[in-house]
């Protein structure tokens, strides 16, 4: 069975400055969106989902660049359409919005599929690359940004874990919320035939 790095180890590896920088960039972008909506409400309401997502992504990337500019050990790569953050030799991040079930959207290009597949490439011990998705929760009904989040997945659809990153200034940066693993709907309880004492069979429901 494949093993995966746990959230605490990943946050420790990234370091408090990176974790808090991700959270601050999302908070700044949330404020940018609020200002955009207040100043140009009709523009926002007329935007397509893809158009608004692109606007948010550009603002988030600009805020990330401001946070990590000249920070040792952190490199940003902007080669449209791919934008990535590398931290040290072990962590590579892309930035996306997360749906309520933890899923993200990508074009199924070969490079995207390779990025999502953990452990697909051989590496010398100590140089293994962990690929992460940073970003934010997205409420599609209200078209609003939620918390900053970080997720690890193995394949685009397989969410291994997803955590909320504490807001900057909350005093808990580096201490994650409990990992969330999106799950499907609960199975229905079975109906089982049980014999009644001293009589014929009757039907009853038993939860297991």
Protein backbone atom coordinates (compact mmCIF):
# COMPACT_ATOMS: atom_id res chain seq x y z
CA UNK A 1 0.00 0.00 0.00
CA UNK A 2 1.37 3.40 -0.96
CA UNK A 3 2.23 5.70 1.94
CA UNK A 4 1.82 9.46 1.84
CA UNK A 5 3.35 12.33 3.84
CA UNK A 6 1.10 13.50 6.66
CA UNK A 7 -0.09 17.13 6.93
CA UNK A 8 2.03 17.93 10.00
CA UNK A 9 5.19 16.77 8.27
CA UNK A 10 4.36 18.75 5.14
CA UNK A 11 3.67 21.96 7.08
CA UNK A 12 6.91 21.51 8.99
CA UNK A 13 8.79 20.97 5.73
CA UNK A 14 7.28 24.05 4.11
CA UNK A 15 8.00 26.19 7.15
CA UNK A 16 5.95 28.82 8.95
CA UNK A 17 6.95 31.61 6.56
CA UNK A 18 5.62 29.75 3.54
CA UNK A 19 2.45 28.55 5.29
CA UNK A 20 1.65 32.02 6.65
CA UNK A 21 2.49 33.56 3.25
CA UNK A 22 -0.02 31.30 1.52
CA UNK A 23 -2.70 32.23 4.05
CA UNK A 24 -1.95 35.95 3.77
CA UNK A 25 -2.05 35.85 -0.05
CA UNK A 26 -5.52 34.24 0.04
CA UNK A 27 -6.74 36.79 2.61
CA UNK A 28 -5.45 39.67 0.45
CA UNK A 29 -7.10 38.20 -2.65
CA UNK A 30 -10.39 37.83 -0.78
CA UNK A 31 -10.20 41.55 0.03
CA UNK A 32 -9.34 42.33 -3.60
CA UNK A 33 -12.46 40.45 -4.73
CA UNK A 34 -14.61 42.32 -2.20
CA UNK A 35 -13.24 45.64 -3.48
CA UNK A 36 -13.78 44.60 -7.09
CA UNK A 37 -17.36 43.56 -6.32
CA UNK A 38 -18.06 46.83 -4.48
CA UNK A 39 -16.55 49.03 -7.20
CA UNK A 40 -17.75 47.13 -10.26
CA UNK A 41 -20.64 44.96 -9.10
CA UNK A 42 -22.13 44.72 -12.60
CA UNK A 43 -18.81 43.59 -14.05
CA UNK A 44 -18.62 40.79 -11.50
CA UNK A 45 -22.22 39.70 -12.05
CA UNK A 46 -21.64 39.66 -15.82
CA UNK A 47 -18.48 37.57 -15.52
CA UNK A 48 -18.55 33.94 -16.53
CA UNK A 49 -17.39 31.40 -13.97
CA UNK A 50 -14.17 30.89 -15.92
CA UNK A 51 -13.63 34.61 -16.36
CA UNK A 52 -14.04 35.32 -12.64
CA UNK A 53 -11.83 32.35 -11.74
CA UNK A 54 -9.09 33.72 -14.01
CA UNK A 55 -9.39 37.19 -12.43
CA UNK A 56 -9.07 35.70 -8.95
CA UNK A 57 -6.16 33.52 -10.01
CA UNK A 58 -4.26 36.52 -11.41
CA UNK A 59 -4.79 38.49 -8.20
CA UNK A 60 -3.80 35.52 -6.06
CA UNK A 61 -0.64 34.95 -8.07
CA UNK A 62 0.28 38.65 -7.78
CA UNK A 63 -0.19 38.48 -4.01
CA UNK A 64 1.87 35.29 -3.79
CA UNK A 65 4.67 36.96 -5.74
CA UNK A 66 4.60 39.87 -3.30
CA UNK A 67 4.70 37.49 -0.33
CA UNK A 68 7.57 35.32 -1.58
CA UNK A 69 9.67 37.86 -3.49
CA UNK A 70 13.34 37.20 -2.63
CA UNK A 71 12.42 34.72 0.11
CA UNK A 72 15.26 32.19 0.44
CA UNK A 73 14.41 28.69 -0.65
CA UNK A 74 11.25 29.71 -2.52
CA UNK A 75 11.09 30.05 -6.31
CA UNK A 76 8.14 31.07 -8.47
CA UNK A 77 7.77 29.99 -12.10
CA UNK A 78 5.28 31.75 -14.39
CA UNK A 79 5.22 30.01 -17.76
CA UNK A 80 1.68 30.37 -18.99
CA UNK A 81 -0.49 28.49 -18.61
CA UNK A 82 1.50 26.86 -15.78
CA UNK A 83 2.40 28.72 -12.60
CA UNK A 84 4.28 26.90 -9.85
CA UNK A 85 5.95 27.50 -6.51
CA UNK A 86 8.89 25.36 -5.43
CA UNK A 87 10.04 25.23 -1.82
CA UNK A 88 13.46 23.72 -1.28
CA UNK A 89 14.06 20.51 -3.22
CA UNK A 90 11.06 18.54 -1.96
CA UNK A 91 7.92 20.61 -2.53
CA UNK A 92 6.23 21.83 -5.70
CA UNK A 93 2.90 23.65 -5.50
CA UNK A 94 0.25 24.81 -7.90
CA UNK A 95 -2.56 27.17 -6.96
CA UNK A 96 -6.22 26.38 -7.56
CA UNK A 97 -9.67 26.87 -6.11
CA UNK A 98 -11.15 23.88 -4.31
CA UNK A 99 -14.77 22.83 -4.47
CA UNK A 100 -16.61 21.78 -1.33
CA UNK A 101 -15.68 18.14 -1.97
CA UNK A 102 -12.01 19.05 -2.30
CA UNK A 103 -11.90 18.56 -6.06
CA UNK A 104 -10.11 20.94 -8.43
CA UNK A 105 -10.40 21.44 -12.18
CA UNK A 106 -7.62 21.05 -14.72
CA UNK A 107 -7.23 20.29 -18.38
CA UNK A 108 -6.12 16.66 -18.61
CA UNK A 109 -2.76 17.40 -20.23
CA UNK A 110 0.14 15.03 -19.81
CA UNK A 111 2.01 17.50 -17.61
CA UNK A 112 -1.05 17.95 -15.37
CA UNK A 113 -1.51 14.20 -15.00
CA UNK A 114 2.17 13.78 -14.14
CA UNK A 115 1.96 16.57 -11.56
CA UNK A 116 -0.95 14.94 -9.72
CA UNK A 117 0.63 11.46 -9.63
CA UNK A 118 2.64 11.20 -6.41
CA UNK A 119 5.82 9.12 -6.59
CA UNK A 120 5.62 8.67 -10.35
CA UNK A 121 9.21 9.80 -10.84
CA UNK A 122 12.25 8.13 -9.32
CA UNK A 123 14.46 10.27 -7.09
CA UNK A 124 17.49 9.85 -4.87
CA UNK A 125 16.66 9.38 -1.16
CA UNK A 126 15.96 12.75 0.42
CA UNK A 127 15.13 14.37 -2.92
CA UNK A 128 11.62 12.96 -3.37
CA UNK A 129 9.22 15.56 -4.71
CA UNK A 130 5.89 16.12 -3.01
CA UNK A 131 3.37 17.91 -5.20
CA UNK A 132 0.68 19.97 -3.50
CA UNK A 133 -2.29 22.15 -4.42
CA UNK A 134 -2.57 25.40 -2.49
CA UNK A 135 -5.50 27.75 -2.87
CA UNK A 136 -8.87 28.48 -1.35
CA UNK A 137 -12.33 27.09 -0.79
CA UNK A 138 -14.89 28.29 -3.33
CA UNK A 139 -18.63 28.66 -2.72
CA UNK A 140 -20.16 28.37 -6.18
CA UNK A 141 -23.61 29.48 -5.01
CA UNK A 142 -22.45 32.80 -3.57
CA UNK A 143 -19.36 33.09 -5.80
CA UNK A 144 -17.23 33.84 -2.77
CA UNK A 145 -13.81 32.81 -1.48
CA UNK A 146 -13.45 30.86 1.74
CA UNK A 147 -10.43 29.75 3.75
CA UNK A 148 -6.94 29.17 2.47
CA UNK A 149 -6.39 25.45 1.99
CA UNK A 150 -3.66 22.99 1.11
CA UNK A 151 -4.28 19.55 -0.35
CA UNK A 152 -2.36 16.48 -1.38
CA UNK A 153 -3.77 14.16 -4.00
CA UNK A 154 -2.64 11.13 -5.97
CA UNK A 155 -4.27 11.59 -9.33
CA UNK A 156 -6.60 14.49 -10.00
CA UNK A 157 -9.63 12.79 -8.46
CA UNK A 158 -8.00 11.08 -5.46
CA UNK A 159 -7.83 13.56 -2.58
CA UNK A 160 -5.51 12.10 0.07
CA UNK A 161 -5.99 14.97 2.51
CA UNK A 162 -7.05 18.58 2.60
CA UNK A 163 -6.40 21.04 5.44
CA UNK A 164 -7.36 24.61 6.21
CA UNK A 165 -4.46 27.01 6.66
CA UNK A 166 -4.87 29.33 9.67
CA UNK A 167 -5.39 33.00 8.92
CA UNK A 168 -2.28 35.14 9.33
CA UNK A 169 -2.16 36.76 12.75
CA UNK A 170 -4.36 34.11 14.36
CA UNK A 171 -1.43 32.82 16.40
CA UNK A 172 -1.78 29.25 15.14
CA UNK A 173 0.19 29.28 11.89
CA UNK A 174 1.76 25.86 11.40
CA UNK A 175 -0.93 24.07 13.43
CA UNK A 176 -3.44 22.67 10.93
CA UNK A 177 -7.06 21.92 11.41
CA UNK A 178 -7.93 18.23 11.38
CA UNK A 179 -7.26 16.80 7.93
CA UNK A 180 -10.37 16.47 5.80
CA UNK A 181 -10.71 13.52 3.47
CA UNK A 182 -13.73 14.06 1.23
CA UNK A 183 -16.04 11.07 1.30
CA UNK A 184 -18.98 9.89 -0.74
CA UNK A 185 -22.55 9.53 0.56
CA UNK A 186 -23.14 7.16 3.46
CA UNK A 187 -24.41 3.72 2.40
CA UNK A 188 -28.03 2.87 3.17
CA UNK A 189 -28.67 0.63 6.17
CA UNK A 190 -29.36 -2.99 5.21
CA UNK A 191 -32.72 -4.67 5.75
CA UNK A 192 -32.35 -8.10 7.33
CA UNK A 193 -34.95 -10.82 7.98
CA UNK A 194 -34.83 -11.91 11.63
CA UNK A 195 -36.89 -14.72 13.21
CA UNK A 196 -39.16 -13.55 16.03
CA UNK A 197 -39.03 -15.67 19.19
CA UNK A 198 -41.75 -18.31 19.19
CA UNK A 199 -43.28 -17.25 15.92
CA UNK A 200 -42.64 -17.07 12.20
CA UNK A 201 -40.18 -14.74 10.55
CA UNK A 202 -40.71 -10.99 10.69
CA UNK A 203 -38.77 -8.32 8.91
CA UNK A 204 -36.76 -5.73 10.78
CA UNK A 205 -33.99 -3.16 10.15
CA UNK A 206 -30.60 -3.55 11.78
CA UNK A 207 -27.86 -0.90 11.57
CA UNK A 208 -24.31 -2.20 11.20
